[in-house]
Protein backbone atom coordinates (compact mmCIF):
# COMPACT_ATOMS: atom_id res chain seq x y z
CA UNK A 1 -36.59 45.60 20.35
CA UNK A 2 -34.31 46.93 17.63
CA UNK A 3 -31.53 47.32 20.18
CA UNK A 4 -32.06 43.73 21.36
CA UNK A 5 -31.88 42.37 17.79
CA UNK A 6 -28.82 44.49 17.15
CA UNK A 7 -27.20 43.16 20.32
CA UNK A 8 -27.83 39.52 19.32
CA UNK A 9 -26.43 40.19 15.87
CA UNK A 10 -23.33 41.74 17.41
CA UNK A 11 -22.83 38.64 19.60
CA UNK A 12 -23.00 36.39 16.53
CA UNK A 13 -20.57 38.61 14.65
CA UNK A 14 -18.13 38.68 17.56
CA UNK A 15 -18.27 34.86 17.84
CA UNK A 16 -17.11 34.53 14.27
CA UNK A 17 -14.28 36.94 14.93
CA UNK A 18 -13.06 35.19 18.06
CA UNK A 19 -13.36 31.65 16.66
CA UNK A 20 -9.86 30.42 17.39
CA UNK A 21 -7.50 28.94 14.85
CA UNK A 22 -7.72 25.60 16.67
CA UNK A 23 -11.52 25.60 16.37
CA UNK A 24 -11.31 26.52 12.71
CA UNK A 25 -8.96 23.61 12.07
CA UNK A 26 -11.54 21.21 13.45
CA UNK A 27 -13.66 21.94 10.39
CA UNK A 28 -11.25 21.94 7.48
CA UNK A 29 -12.35 24.05 4.55
CA UNK A 30 -15.19 25.73 6.47
CA UNK A 31 -17.20 28.44 4.72
CA UNK A 32 -18.95 30.95 6.98
CA UNK A 33 -22.40 32.43 6.35
CA UNK A 34 -24.37 35.00 8.36
CA UNK A 35 -27.36 32.73 9.03
CA UNK A 36 -28.73 29.28 8.29
CA UNK A 37 -31.10 30.43 5.52
CA UNK A 38 -28.30 32.12 3.60
CA UNK A 39 -26.09 29.08 4.01
CA UNK A 40 -28.81 26.72 2.77
CA UNK A 41 -29.30 28.88 -0.30
CA UNK A 42 -25.67 28.29 -1.26
CA UNK A 43 -25.70 24.53 -0.74
CA UNK A 44 -25.80 23.69 -4.49
CA UNK A 45 -22.58 25.66 -4.95
CA UNK A 46 -20.63 23.99 -2.16
CA UNK A 47 -17.76 21.78 -3.24
CA UNK A 48 -18.07 18.83 -0.92
CA UNK A 49 -14.43 17.79 -0.86
CA UNK A 50 -13.98 17.89 2.92
CA UNK A 51 -15.74 16.17 5.76
CA UNK A 52 -17.30 19.39 7.10
CA UNK A 53 -17.91 22.13 4.58
CA UNK A 54 -19.83 24.96 6.16
CA UNK A 55 -20.23 26.66 9.52
CA UNK A 56 -22.87 29.12 10.75
CA UNK A 57 -23.55 30.57 14.16
CA UNK A 58 -26.84 29.54 15.72
CA UNK A 59 -29.21 32.03 13.97
CA UNK A 60 -31.19 32.58 17.17
CA UNK A 61 -28.09 34.02 18.83
CA UNK A 62 -29.13 32.29 22.04
CA UNK A 63 -26.12 30.00 22.36
CA UNK A 64 -22.94 31.20 20.69
CA UNK A 65 -21.21 27.87 21.46
CA UNK A 66 -23.48 25.98 19.02
CA UNK A 67 -23.39 26.16 15.24
CA UNK A 68 -24.52 24.09 12.29
CA UNK A 69 -22.27 22.20 9.91
CA UNK A 70 -22.90 20.38 6.66
CA UNK A 71 -21.37 16.91 6.94
CA UNK A 72 -20.88 14.90 3.75
CA UNK A 73 -20.76 11.67 5.78
CA UNK A 74 -24.45 12.09 6.66
CA UNK A 75 -25.28 14.45 3.76
CA UNK A 76 -27.23 16.59 6.19
CA UNK A 77 -27.02 19.50 8.62
CA UNK A 78 -25.82 18.55 12.08
CA UNK A 79 -25.21 20.57 15.22
CA UNK A 80 -21.60 20.98 16.25
CA UNK A 81 -19.98 22.44 19.31
CA UNK A 82 -16.92 24.61 19.71
CA UNK A 83 -16.31 23.03 23.12
CA UNK A 84 -13.28 20.92 24.00
CA UNK A 85 -13.15 17.18 23.37
CA UNK A 86 -14.22 15.10 26.38
CA UNK A 87 -12.04 12.14 27.37
CA UNK A 88 -13.20 8.84 28.89
CA UNK A 89 -11.15 5.81 29.93
CA UNK A 90 -13.20 3.33 27.88
CA UNK A 91 -16.52 2.89 26.09
CA UNK A 92 -18.27 1.73 29.27
CA UNK A 93 -17.45 5.06 30.88
CA UNK A 94 -19.36 7.14 28.29
CA UNK A 95 -22.42 8.72 30.01
CA UNK A 96 -25.83 8.99 28.34
CA UNK A 97 -26.10 12.63 29.43
CA UNK A 98 -23.89 13.95 26.62
CA UNK A 99 -25.28 16.76 24.47
CA UNK A 100 -25.59 16.94 20.71
CA UNK A 101 -22.42 18.21 19.10
CA UNK A 102 -20.04 17.04 21.83
CA UNK A 103 -16.84 15.29 20.82
CA UNK A 104 -15.47 12.29 22.73
CA UNK A 105 -12.13 10.51 22.83
CA UNK A 106 -11.71 7.03 24.34
CA UNK A 107 -8.30 6.65 25.95
CA UNK A 108 -7.84 2.87 25.72
CA UNK A 109 -8.40 2.69 21.93
CA UNK A 110 -7.75 6.24 20.78
CA UNK A 111 -11.22 6.24 19.22
CA UNK A 112 -12.95 9.56 18.56
CA UNK A 113 -16.75 9.97 18.57
CA UNK A 114 -19.22 12.73 17.70
CA UNK A 115 -22.67 13.01 19.30
CA UNK A 116 -25.48 13.58 16.81
CA UNK A 117 -29.14 12.83 16.33
CA UNK A 118 -28.72 10.34 13.47
CA UNK A 119 -26.35 7.45 12.82
CA UNK A 120 -24.10 7.26 9.78
CA UNK A 121 -25.17 4.89 7.04
CA UNK A 122 -22.84 1.91 6.73
CA UNK A 123 -21.64 1.80 10.33
CA UNK A 124 -22.46 -1.23 12.44
CA UNK A 125 -23.77 -0.88 15.97
CA UNK A 126 -21.99 -2.97 18.55
CA UNK A 127 -19.47 -4.50 16.14
CA UNK A 128 -17.41 -7.32 17.61
CA UNK A 129 -14.14 -5.45 17.19
CA UNK A 130 -15.29 -2.17 18.72
CA UNK A 131 -18.54 -0.26 19.00
CA UNK A 132 -18.94 2.10 16.04
CA UNK A 133 -22.31 3.58 17.05
CA UNK A 134 -23.40 3.98 20.68
CA UNK A 135 -27.09 4.63 21.36
CA UNK A 136 -27.21 7.20 24.18
CA UNK A 137 -31.02 7.24 24.29
CA UNK A 138 -33.27 10.17 23.53
CA UNK A 139 -32.45 9.94 19.79
CA UNK A 140 -28.79 10.70 20.51
CA UNK A 141 -25.97 8.61 19.14
CA UNK A 142 -22.21 8.71 19.62
CA UNK A 143 -20.88 7.89 16.15
CA UNK A 144 -17.24 6.92 15.84
CA UNK A 145 -15.08 9.21 13.75
CA UNK A 146 -11.93 7.10 13.89
CA UNK A 147 -9.67 5.18 16.26
CA UNK A 148 -5.91 5.11 16.53
CA UNK A 149 -5.64 3.01 13.35
CA UNK A 150 -8.26 4.79 11.27
CA UNK A 151 -11.59 3.20 10.26
CA UNK A 152 -12.25 -0.51 10.78
CA UNK A 153 -13.80 -2.22 7.75
CA UNK A 154 -15.95 -4.21 10.23
CA UNK A 155 -17.84 -1.02 11.04
CA UNK A 156 -19.10 -0.97 7.44
CA UNK A 157 -20.49 -4.51 7.52
CA UNK A 158 -17.48 -6.77 6.87
CA UNK A 159 -17.82 -10.00 8.87
CA UNK A 160 -14.72 -12.19 9.23
CA UNK A 161 -14.73 -15.97 8.75
CA UNK A 162 -18.33 -16.24 7.49
CA UNK A 163 -17.38 -17.35 3.91
CA UNK A 164 -19.61 -14.56 2.48
CA UNK A 165 -18.52 -11.68 0.28
CA UNK A 166 -17.36 -8.53 2.09
CA UNK A 167 -16.79 -6.47 -1.06
CA UNK A 168 -19.69 -4.08 -0.37
CA UNK A 169 -18.30 -3.30 3.07
CA UNK A 170 -14.86 -2.55 1.58
CA UNK A 171 -16.44 -0.29 -1.04
CA UNK A 172 -18.39 1.61 1.61
CA UNK A 173 -15.26 1.98 3.71
CA UNK A 174 -13.18 3.31 0.78
CA UNK A 175 -15.95 5.77 -0.10
CA UNK A 176 -16.14 6.98 3.48
CA UNK A 177 -12.42 7.39 4.19
CA UNK A 178 -8.96 6.77 2.76
CA UNK A 179 -7.67 5.57 6.15
CA UNK A 180 -8.94 1.98 6.54
CA UNK A 181 -7.71 -1.08 8.41
CA UNK A 182 -8.65 -4.77 8.31
CA UNK A 183 -8.91 -6.58 11.64
CA UNK A 184 -8.02 -10.23 12.21
CA UNK A 185 -9.96 -12.92 10.39
CA UNK A 186 -10.57 -13.97 6.77
CA UNK A 187 -12.46 -11.56 4.49
CA UNK A 188 -13.77 -12.81 1.14
CA UNK A 189 -14.04 -10.36 -1.73
CA UNK A 190 -14.65 -10.15 -5.42
CA UNK A 191 -12.92 -7.41 -7.39
CA UNK A 192 -12.02 -4.38 -5.24
CA UNK A 193 -11.02 -1.03 -6.75
CA UNK A 194 -8.56 0.96 -4.68
CA UNK A 195 -8.99 4.73 -4.36
CA UNK A 196 -6.40 7.49 -4.51
CA UNK A 197 -4.51 8.38 -1.33
CA UNK A 198 -5.72 5.14 0.26
CA UNK A 199 -3.91 3.96 3.38
CA UNK A 200 -4.95 0.33 3.90
CA UNK A 201 -3.53 -1.61 6.85
CA UNK A 202 -3.98 -5.38 7.02
CA UNK A 203 -3.41 -6.37 10.63
CA UNK A 204 -1.66 -9.53 11.76
CA UNK A 205 -3.90 -12.62 11.41
CA UNK A 206 -6.08 -10.76 8.91
CA UNK A 207 -6.44 -12.03 5.33
CA UNK A 208 -8.12 -10.60 2.23
CA UNK A 209 -9.04 -13.53 -0.02
CA UNK A 210 -10.46 -13.72 -3.53
CA UNK A 211 -13.63 -15.70 -4.15
CA UNK A 212 -13.02 -16.73 -7.78
CA UNK A 213 -9.92 -17.08 -9.96
CA UNK A 214 -10.74 -13.81 -11.76
CA UNK A 215 -10.94 -11.67 -8.62
CA UNK A 216 -8.25 -9.13 -7.80
CA UNK A 217 -7.46 -5.93 -5.93
CA UNK A 218 -7.10 -3.54 -8.82
CA UNK A 219 -5.68 -0.08 -9.30
CA UNK A 220 -7.46 1.64 -12.15
CA UNK A 221 -5.67 3.30 -15.05
CA UNK A 222 -5.46 7.03 -14.41
CA UNK A 223 -5.43 6.80 -10.61
CA UNK A 224 -2.94 9.61 -10.05
CA UNK A 225 -2.75 9.57 -6.26
CA UNK A 226 -0.59 7.28 -4.20
CA UNK A 227 -1.69 4.06 -2.54
CA UNK A 228 -0.19 2.59 0.62
CA UNK A 229 -0.90 -1.03 1.62
CA UNK A 230 0.89 -2.34 4.69
CA UNK A 231 0.58 -4.52 7.78
CA UNK A 232 1.42 -8.04 8.95
CA UNK A 233 -1.61 -9.65 7.34
CA UNK A 234 -2.11 -11.60 4.12
CA UNK A 235 -3.46 -11.20 0.57
CA UNK A 236 -4.45 -14.49 -1.06
CA UNK A 237 -6.04 -14.72 -4.52
CA UNK A 238 -6.15 -17.56 -7.03
CA UNK A 239 -5.41 -15.13 -9.86
CA UNK A 240 -3.57 -11.81 -9.49
CA UNK A 241 -3.34 -10.33 -6.00
CA UNK A 242 -2.87 -6.65 -6.92
CA UNK A 243 -3.37 -5.58 -10.52
CA UNK A 244 -2.73 -2.24 -12.21
CA UNK A 245 -3.56 -1.80 -15.88
CA UNK A 246 -3.19 0.86 -18.56
CA UNK A 247 -0.56 3.38 -19.60
CA UNK A 248 -1.10 5.94 -16.82
CA UNK A 249 1.39 5.06 -14.12
CA UNK A 250 0.82 4.39 -10.46
CA UNK A 251 3.26 6.78 -8.78
CA UNK A 252 4.98 6.96 -5.41
CA UNK A 253 3.01 4.16 -3.80
CA UNK A 254 4.24 1.92 -1.00
CA UNK A 255 3.59 -1.80 -0.49
CA UNK A 256 5.05 -2.95 2.81
CA UNK A 257 5.17 -5.83 5.30
CA UNK A 258 2.26 -8.02 4.19
CA UNK A 259 2.31 -11.60 2.89
CA UNK A 260 1.05 -12.85 -0.50
CA UNK A 261 0.18 -16.52 -0.96
CA UNK A 262 -1.37 -19.02 -3.41
CA UNK A 263 -1.38 -16.72 -6.41
CA UNK A 264 -0.96 -16.90 -10.14
CA UNK A 265 0.81 -13.55 -9.76
CA UNK A 266 1.42 -11.56 -6.61
CA UNK A 267 1.36 -8.17 -8.30
CA UNK A 268 1.15 -7.15 -11.93
CA UNK A 269 1.77 -3.45 -12.56
CA UNK A 270 1.36 -2.24 -16.13
CA UNK A 271 2.95 1.16 -15.56
CA UNK A 272 4.93 1.87 -12.40
CA UNK A 273 7.00 4.93 -11.47
CA UNK A 274 8.73 5.60 -8.16
CA UNK A 275 7.03 2.85 -6.16
CA UNK A 276 8.49 0.95 -3.20
CA UNK A 277 8.09 -2.73 -2.33
CA UNK A 278 9.51 -3.26 1.14
CA UNK A 279 9.56 -6.25 3.54
CA UNK A 280 7.00 -8.22 1.54
CA UNK A 281 6.79 -12.01 1.74
CA UNK A 282 5.79 -14.11 -1.28
CA UNK A 283 5.26 -17.81 -0.60
CA UNK A 284 3.27 -21.00 -1.17
CA UNK A 285 2.95 -21.88 -4.82
CA UNK A 286 3.05 -18.47 -6.51
CA UNK A 287 3.90 -18.53 -10.21
CA UNK A 288 5.29 -14.98 -10.61
CA UNK A 289 5.73 -12.82 -7.52
CA UNK A 290 6.24 -9.36 -9.06
CA UNK A 291 5.61 -8.55 -12.73
CA UNK A 292 6.32 -5.10 -14.19
CA UNK A 293 4.47 -5.35 -17.50
CA UNK A 294 5.70 -2.02 -18.94
CA UNK A 295 2.64 -0.91 -20.92
CA UNK A 296 3.81 2.63 -20.17
CA UNK A 297 6.75 3.77 -18.07
CA UNK A 298 8.49 1.56 -15.56
CA UNK A 299 11.06 3.72 -13.79
CA UNK A 300 12.63 4.44 -10.42
CA UNK A 301 11.18 1.46 -8.57
CA UNK A 302 12.75 -0.05 -5.44
CA UNK A 303 12.39 -3.62 -4.16
CA UNK A 304 13.98 -3.99 -0.75
CA UNK A 305 14.18 -6.60 2.04
CA UNK A 306 11.52 -8.86 0.47
CA UNK A 307 11.44 -12.65 0.78
CA UNK A 308 10.60 -14.71 -2.31
CA UNK A 309 9.90 -18.31 -1.29
CA UNK A 310 8.78 -21.33 -3.32
CA UNK A 311 7.71 -19.72 -6.59
CA UNK A 312 7.05 -21.73 -9.73
CA UNK A 313 8.22 -19.47 -12.57
CA UNK A 314 10.11 -16.34 -11.57
CA UNK A 315 10.34 -14.10 -8.52
CA UNK A 316 10.71 -10.76 -10.32
CA UNK A 317 9.95 -10.20 -14.01
CA UNK A 318 10.69 -6.86 -15.69
CA UNK A 319 9.43 -6.32 -19.21
CA UNK A 320 11.37 -3.07 -19.29
CA UNK A 321 12.67 -0.73 -16.65
CA UNK A 322 15.00 2.19 -15.97
CA UNK A 323 16.68 3.03 -12.69
CA UNK A 324 15.67 -0.09 -10.85
CA UNK A 325 17.05 -1.02 -7.41
CA UNK A 326 16.70 -4.57 -6.08
CA UNK A 327 18.52 -4.72 -2.75
CA UNK A 328 18.79 -6.91 0.35
CA UNK A 329 16.21 -9.44 -0.82
CA UNK A 330 16.11 -13.20 -0.20
CA UNK A 331 15.36 -15.71 -2.99
CA UNK A 332 14.66 -19.34 -2.09
CA UNK A 333 13.84 -22.23 -4.43
CA UNK A 334 12.45 -21.45 -7.85
CA UNK A 335 10.52 -24.64 -8.58
CA UNK A 336 10.28 -24.24 -12.35
CA UNK A 337 13.00 -26.01 -14.30
CA UNK A 338 14.68 -23.71 -16.82
CA UNK A 339 13.53 -20.54 -15.06
CA UNK A 340 15.36 -17.75 -13.26
CA UNK A 341 14.92 -15.89 -10.00
CA UNK A 342 15.09 -12.48 -11.70
CA UNK A 343 14.41 -11.82 -15.40
CA UNK A 344 15.07 -8.41 -16.95
CA UNK A 345 13.57 -8.68 -20.43
CA UNK A 346 12.62 -5.30 -21.96
CA UNK A 347 9.90 -5.59 -24.60
CA UNK A 348 11.41 -2.66 -26.49
CA UNK A 349 14.58 -0.59 -26.17
CA UNK A 350 16.89 -1.50 -23.33
CA UNK A 351 16.84 -1.53 -19.56
CA UNK A 352 19.15 1.06 -18.03
CA UNK A 353 20.68 1.61 -14.61
CA UNK A 354 19.71 -1.69 -12.98
CA UNK A 355 21.26 -2.22 -9.53
CA UNK A 356 21.14 -5.67 -7.91
CA UNK A 357 22.73 -5.16 -4.52
CA UNK A 358 23.30 -7.39 -1.48
CA UNK A 359 20.75 -10.02 -2.47
CA UNK A 360 20.91 -13.60 -1.22
CA UNK A 361 20.11 -16.40 -3.68
CA UNK A 362 19.68 -19.70 -1.79
CA UNK A 363 18.82 -23.32 -2.70
CA UNK A 364 19.18 -23.43 -6.45
CA UNK A 365 16.86 -25.63 -8.48
CA UNK A 366 18.72 -28.30 -10.41
CA UNK A 367 17.07 -27.16 -13.64
CA UNK A 368 17.95 -23.48 -13.37
CA UNK A 369 20.59 -22.34 -15.90
CA UNK A 370 21.26 -19.13 -13.93
CA UNK A 371 19.91 -17.15 -11.00
CA UNK A 372 19.56 -13.92 -13.02
CA UNK A 373 18.74 -13.42 -16.71
CA UNK A 374 19.45 -10.03 -18.34
CA UNK A 375 18.54 -9.30 -21.95
CA UNK A 376 19.42 -6.03 -23.69
CA UNK A 377 20.62 -4.07 -20.71
CA UNK A 378 22.53 -0.80 -21.05
CA UNK A 379 24.04 -0.70 -17.55
CA UNK A 380 24.06 -3.46 -14.95
CA UNK A 381 25.59 -3.17 -11.49
CA UNK A 382 25.61 -6.33 -9.41
CA UNK A 383 27.37 -6.10 -6.07
CA UNK A 384 27.34 -7.65 -2.64
CA UNK A 385 25.27 -10.57 -1.44
CA UNK A 386 25.72 -14.28 -2.07
CA UNK A 387 24.47 -17.01 -4.34
CA UNK A 388 24.32 -20.80 -4.30
CA UNK A 389 25.05 -22.22 -7.76
CA UNK A 390 24.20 -25.69 -8.92
CA UNK A 391 26.20 -27.81 -11.35
CA UNK A 392 26.52 -25.99 -14.68
CA UNK A 393 24.79 -22.86 -13.35
CA UNK A 394 26.02 -19.27 -13.67
CA UNK A 395 25.02 -16.35 -11.50
CA UNK A 396 24.07 -14.00 -14.32
CA UNK A 397 23.24 -14.94 -17.92
CA UNK A 398 23.49 -11.83 -20.11
CA UNK A 399 22.06 -11.83 -23.65
CA UNK A 400 22.20 -9.16 -26.38
CA UNK A 401 24.10 -6.89 -24.05
CA UNK A 402 24.71 -3.36 -25.27
CA UNK A 403 26.33 -1.64 -22.33
CA UNK A 404 28.60 -2.01 -19.34
CA UNK A 405 28.40 -4.52 -16.50
CA UNK A 406 29.95 -4.36 -13.06
CA UNK A 407 30.25 -7.31 -10.65
CA UNK A 408 31.85 -6.99 -7.25
CA UNK A 409 31.88 -8.44 -3.71
CA UNK A 410 29.57 -11.35 -4.47
CA UNK A 411 30.10 -14.62 -2.62
CA UNK A 412 29.54 -17.59 -4.93
CA UNK A 413 28.99 -20.94 -3.27
CA UNK A 414 29.00 -23.93 -5.61
CA UNK A 415 27.16 -27.08 -4.61
CA UNK A 416 29.13 -30.32 -4.49
CA UNK A 417 32.65 -30.71 -3.15
CA UNK A 418 36.24 -30.51 -4.19
CA UNK A 419 37.53 -28.43 -7.05
CA UNK A 420 34.70 -26.57 -8.76
CA UNK A 421 34.34 -23.73 -11.19
CA UNK A 422 31.82 -21.12 -9.93
CA UNK A 423 30.82 -19.11 -12.96
CA UNK A 424 29.97 -15.45 -12.55
CA UNK A 425 28.31 -14.52 -15.82
CA UNK A 426 27.74 -15.81 -19.31
CA UNK A 427 27.56 -13.64 -22.43
CA UNK A 428 25.71 -14.95 -25.46
CA UNK A 429 27.82 -15.47 -28.58
CA UNK A 430 31.15 -15.66 -26.76
CA UNK A 431 32.86 -18.13 -24.47
CA UNK A 432 31.71 -17.79 -20.89
CA UNK A 433 33.66 -15.86 -18.29
CA UNK A 434 34.67 -17.88 -15.26
CA UNK A 435 37.09 -18.05 -12.35
CA UNK A 436 38.42 -21.24 -10.82
CA UNK A 437 37.42 -21.72 -7.20
CA UNK A 438 39.49 -24.45 -5.63
CA UNK A 439 37.44 -24.88 -2.44
CA UNK A 440 34.04 -25.05 -4.14
CA UNK A 441 33.31 -21.41 -3.41
CA UNK A 442 34.73 -17.99 -4.11
CA UNK A 443 34.40 -14.28 -3.39
CA UNK A 444 34.29 -11.97 -6.42
CA UNK A 445 36.41 -8.90 -5.71
CA UNK A 446 36.30 -7.40 -9.18
CA UNK A 447 40.03 -7.74 -9.87
CA UNK A 448 40.13 -11.38 -10.97
CA UNK A 449 42.06 -12.28 -14.09
CA UNK A 450 39.54 -12.89 -16.84
CA UNK A 451 40.26 -16.10 -18.74
CA UNK A 452 39.10 -14.54 -21.99
CA UNK A 453 39.03 -10.89 -23.03
CA UNK A 454 35.57 -9.95 -24.26
CA UNK A 455 36.25 -6.35 -25.12
CA UNK A 456 33.45 -4.13 -23.86
CA UNK A 457 32.98 -5.57 -20.38
CA UNK A 458 33.61 -2.95 -17.72
CA UNK A 459 34.42 -4.42 -14.33
CA UNK A 460 34.35 -2.77 -10.91
C-alpha cells in the first residue's frame, strides 16, 4: 500500500515537472500546490489579478491530465484539462459529448469556449449576435471565453434598439474584461466609467447614446492606464461625449475612427499627455468638437486625419498646450459668427511648439474673422495645406505673441473674384501683414516681401 501511494505521488510530481511551457502559458500567473487541501488553505493569500490563479494536480492521482484551477470569472474551483484545444467549423458542430475542462475553438467566428459545470454570471444564453453559453446537457456548459474581436457587450445583457438603459451590461463587461466590442444597433446608457487598459471597439452601425443631457462616457481622475476606443460606429450624447476630469493626466490613449454627433462637446479632457486622435469624424450640430481644458498638463498630443463638420463654436479649443501636432485634418463650416476653427488660448503661461501642418480649411463662415486664433504662443509653425478665406478674413490671428512664427507652403484661396488681398496673419497692436494676390488666390512660399517690418517675426 505504501508503495502504491508513493507511486501515485511520484506520478503527480512528474506531471508538474513535465508540464510544458505552452500549457503553463494557458494559465497565466499560475501558482502550484501539492494537493487541493493545501491550495484551498492559501486561497485568502492569492492575489486574484489574472483569470486563472492556481493549478493543482488531481489529488487522487488517477488522471494526471486533469487539474483544478481557481477562476476569478466564476470565483470558484473548476476542472481544467491540459489537452489540446478542439476545433469545430461552427457552433452547430459542437457535440454534447464534450468533457469538463475541454477547450473549444469555433473556426467561423474565432470564438473560444471552455466546458465547465456552471455558467458565468452576466453572460446571456443564445444571444442574437452569437451564443455565449451553450447548454451541452448533463449540467455541462460551453462558456465563451472570447471571439476574434474580444467580448461582445450583448453577452452581458445589452439589448440594441430597445430604448432601455444598457449601462449595467457595459459595467459588467468592463469588470469582466478590458477587451470589449459593441455590435450593431443603438445602445442607451447613463454615465459609464471607463477602466484602465480598456480596448473598446464600436462596430459599424453601432451607436452608444446618452439618455439625459448630463450623461457621458467618463475617464476618472487618476486612471493611469491607457484607453483605446476605435471602430466605425458612433458616440452620440446631448452633453459631453467623452469626459476626463482632474489634474492626473490620461496618458498614451488612442481615439480612432469613430463618429461623434449631436453633442455639446465631443471630448473634454482636463489633463492630457501623449494621446492620439486619429481619423475621427465630428458632425451634426456639435458646439465644440475637442476641448483640452488644461487643469493639469496638456502636452505631446496629436490630432491627425480628423474631419470637423458643421460645428457651432469651435472645432479644437486648447486652454494651454505644449508640443501639439494638428496635421492633415479637414475643417468645414463653423456655424458660429465671430468664432474660429482652431483656438489656442492658454489659461496661464504660453503655448509652445504648436505645429499646424497640411490642414484643409474649407467653406468659411461669413462672420469668421480668421480660421485660426493664437494667443500667447511661444513658437508656432504653420505649413502646408489650404484655406478658403472670406472677405476681410485672415488665416491666422495672433494676439499677445511672445515668440517666433513660421508660415510656409499654404495655399490661400480668397472668395469673390478679381483682384483680392488674401491675408496670411494679423498681429495685435501692429498693422496687419498681407500679400497681394492678383488672381484671388495665392501660395505662401515663405519668401514673400513683407509690406511692413514687424521686427520679431521669424519666417520659414
